[in-house]
Amino acid sequence: MPHLTGGDARSLAEVLVTVVGYATAPLIAARHLKDVPTLQLITPCLTLAAVVYAPAAFLTRPAALPRARPWPPWPASASSAPRSRSWRSWS
């Protein structure tokens, strides 16, 4: 069972509003917008979401980009480890 701590009423209310929105939007779309083509319904919804989130994303952007990590993400010694046989070697 998860141990939930550190939350506040505002965070809980935000999550509940999101849940209610995700639950009711398909019902509204199915009932009142059933004659609207899908692309014409989705495009303004995604545009509105982008416009709403853009200011918050801009204001909370990091001051500097994170440092690039080397690829592959494992140590060089791991790349020299023995590999399993491929399926071709079994034929």
C-alpha atoms as a PDB file:
ATOM      1  CA  MET A   1       0.000   0.000   0.000  1.00  0.00           C
ATOM      2  CA  PRO A   2       1.480   3.381  -0.936  1.00  0.00           C
ATOM      3  CA  HIS A   3       2.431   5.786   1.785  1.00  0.00           C
ATOM      4  CA  LEU A   4       1.110   9.215   0.851  1.00  0.00           C
ATOM      5  CA  THR A   5       2.580  12.140   2.743  1.00  0.00           C
ATOM      6  CA  GLY A   6       3.546  15.727   2.099  1.00  0.00           C
ATOM      7  CA  GLY A   7       0.423  16.651   0.151  1.00  0.00           C
ATOM      8  CA  ASP A   8      -1.889  19.524   0.808  1.00  0.00           C
ATOM      9  CA  ALA A   9      -5.510  20.329   0.061  1.00  0.00           C
ATOM     10  CA  ARG A  10      -4.641  22.424  -3.002  1.00  0.00           C
ATOM     11  CA  SER A  11      -2.721  19.571  -4.639  1.00  0.00           C
ATOM     12  CA  LEU A  12      -5.537  17.171  -3.938  1.00  0.00           C
ATOM     13  CA  ALA A  13      -8.081  19.593  -5.405  1.00  0.00           C
ATOM     14  CA  GLU A  14      -5.971  19.998  -8.564  1.00  0.00           C
ATOM     15  CA  VAL A  15      -5.827  16.252  -9.054  1.00  0.00           C
ATOM     16  CA  LEU A  16      -9.560  15.894  -8.459  1.00  0.00           C
ATOM     17  CA  VAL A  17     -10.362  18.629 -10.998  1.00  0.00           C
ATOM     18  CA  THR A  18      -8.145  16.856 -13.518  1.00  0.00           C
ATOM     19  CA  VAL A  19      -9.831  13.518 -12.853  1.00  0.00           C
ATOM     20  CA  VAL A  20     -13.299  15.014 -13.227  1.00  0.00           C
ATOM     21  CA  GLY A  21     -12.240  16.738 -16.450  1.00  0.00           C
ATOM     22  CA  TYR A  22     -10.853  13.557 -17.954  1.00  0.00           C
ATOM     23  CA  ALA A  23     -13.970  11.654 -16.896  1.00  0.00           C
ATOM     24  CA  THR A  24     -16.524  14.117 -18.220  1.00  0.00           C
ATOM     25  CA  ALA A  25     -14.863  15.277 -21.451  1.00  0.00           C
ATOM     26  CA  PRO A  26     -15.568  12.041 -23.366  1.00  0.00           C
ATOM     27  CA  LEU A  27     -19.186  12.114 -22.187  1.00  0.00           C
ATOM     28  CA  ILE A  28     -19.639  15.683 -23.394  1.00  0.00           C
ATOM     29  CA  ALA A  29     -17.932  14.920 -26.689  1.00  0.00           C
ATOM     30  CA  ALA A  30     -20.037  11.803 -27.240  1.00  0.00           C
ATOM     31  CA  ARG A  31     -23.315  13.531 -26.471  1.00  0.00           C
ATOM     32  CA  HIS A  32     -22.991  17.050 -27.859  1.00  0.00           C
ATOM     33  CA  LEU A  33     -20.207  16.807 -30.400  1.00  0.00           C
ATOM     34  CA  LYS A  34     -20.931  13.489 -32.085  1.00  0.00           C
ATOM     35  CA  ASP A  35     -21.427  15.160 -35.487  1.00  0.00           C
ATOM     36  CA  VAL A  36     -18.078  17.001 -35.374  1.00  0.00           C
ATOM     37  CA  PRO A  37     -15.267  15.229 -37.254  1.00  0.00           C
ATOM     38  CA  THR A  38     -12.486  13.951 -35.003  1.00  0.00           C
ATOM     39  CA  LEU A  39      -9.682  16.100 -36.395  1.00  0.00           C
ATOM     40  CA  GLN A  40     -11.740  19.285 -36.068  1.00  0.00           C
ATOM     41  CA  LEU A  41     -12.523  18.333 -32.462  1.00  0.00           C
ATOM     42  CA  ILE A  42      -9.007  17.374 -31.361  1.00  0.00           C
ATOM     43  CA  THR A  43      -7.092  20.243 -32.990  1.00  0.00           C
ATOM     44  CA  PRO A  44      -8.647  23.108 -30.988  1.00  0.00           C
ATOM     45  CA  CYS A  45      -8.466  21.056 -27.768  1.00  0.00           C
ATOM     46  CA  LEU A  46      -4.728  20.440 -28.158  1.00  0.00           C
ATOM     47  CA  THR A  47      -4.132  24.041 -29.210  1.00  0.00           C
ATOM     48  CA  LEU A  48      -5.950  25.321 -26.138  1.00  0.00           C
ATOM     49  CA  ALA A  49      -3.954  22.986 -23.892  1.00  0.00           C
ATOM     50  CA  ALA A  50      -0.688  24.192 -25.448  1.00  0.00           C
ATOM     51  CA  VAL A  51      -1.666  27.853 -24.978  1.00  0.00           C
ATOM     52  CA  VAL A  52      -2.647  27.238 -21.346  1.00  0.00           C
ATOM     53  CA  TYR A  53       0.538  25.312 -20.476  1.00  0.00           C
ATOM     54  CA  ALA A  54       3.022  27.483 -22.434  1.00  0.00           C
ATOM     55  CA  PRO A  55       3.310  30.337 -19.885  1.00  0.00           C
ATOM     56  CA  ALA A  56       3.870  27.954 -16.981  1.00  0.00           C
ATOM     57  CA  ALA A  57       6.444  25.999 -18.981  1.00  0.00           C
ATOM     58  CA  PHE A  58       8.228  29.218 -19.912  1.00  0.00           C
ATOM     59  CA  LEU A  59       8.271  30.554 -16.346  1.00  0.00           C
ATOM     60  CA  THR A  60       9.502  27.287 -14.813  1.00  0.00           C
ATOM     61  CA  ARG A  61      12.117  26.386 -17.427  1.00  0.00           C
ATOM     62  CA  PRO A  62      15.556  25.454 -16.089  1.00  0.00           C
ATOM     63  CA  ALA A  63      18.266  28.126 -15.988  1.00  0.00           C
ATOM     64  CA  ALA A  64      20.685  25.833 -17.817  1.00  0.00           C
ATOM     65  CA  LEU A  65      20.365  22.693 -19.874  1.00  0.00           C
ATOM     66  CA  PRO A  66      21.384  19.461 -18.190  1.00  0.00           C
ATOM     67  CA  ARG A  67      24.810  18.063 -19.026  1.00  0.00           C
ATOM     68  CA  ALA A  68      24.815  15.436 -21.766  1.00  0.00           C
ATOM     69  CA  ARG A  69      25.441  11.866 -20.646  1.00  0.00           C
ATOM     70  CA  PRO A  70      27.713   9.533 -22.566  1.00  0.00           C
ATOM     71  CA  TRP A  71      26.125   6.826 -24.653  1.00  0.00           C
ATOM     72  CA  PRO A  72      25.782   3.927 -23.932  1.00  0.00           C
ATOM     73  CA  PRO A  73      24.591   4.539 -20.362  1.00  0.00           C
ATOM     74  CA  TRP A  74      26.467   1.540 -18.934  1.00  0.00           C
ATOM     75  CA  PRO A  75      30.175   1.379 -18.070  1.00  0.00           C
ATOM     76  CA  ALA A  76      32.674   0.369 -20.767  1.00  0.00           C
ATOM     77  CA  SER A  77      33.479  -2.859 -18.908  1.00  0.00           C
ATOM     78  CA  ALA A  78      29.884  -4.005 -19.362  1.00  0.00           C
ATOM     79  CA  SER A  79      30.196  -3.828 -23.146  1.00  0.00           C
ATOM     80  CA  SER A  80      32.969  -6.445 -23.096  1.00  0.00           C
ATOM     81  CA  ALA A  81      30.834  -8.911 -21.134  1.00  0.00           C
ATOM     82  CA  PRO A  82      29.985 -12.176 -22.897  1.00  0.00           C
ATOM     83  CA  ARG A  83      26.816 -11.991 -24.943  1.00  0.00           C
ATOM     84  CA  SER A  84      24.181 -14.658 -25.317  1.00  0.00           C
ATOM     85  CA  ARG A  85      24.062 -16.560 -28.568  1.00  0.00           C
ATOM     86  CA  SER A  86      21.838 -15.095 -31.240  1.00  0.00           C
ATOM     87  CA  TRP A  87      18.966 -17.023 -32.732  1.00  0.00           C
ATOM     88  CA  ARG A  88      20.968 -17.471 -35.963  1.00  0.00           C
ATOM     89  CA  SER A  89      23.654 -19.479 -34.219  1.00  0.00           C
ATOM     90  CA  TRP A  90      21.100 -22.136 -33.269  1.00  0.00           C
ATOM     91  CA  SER A  91      20.299 -23.128 -36.839  1.00  0.00           C
END
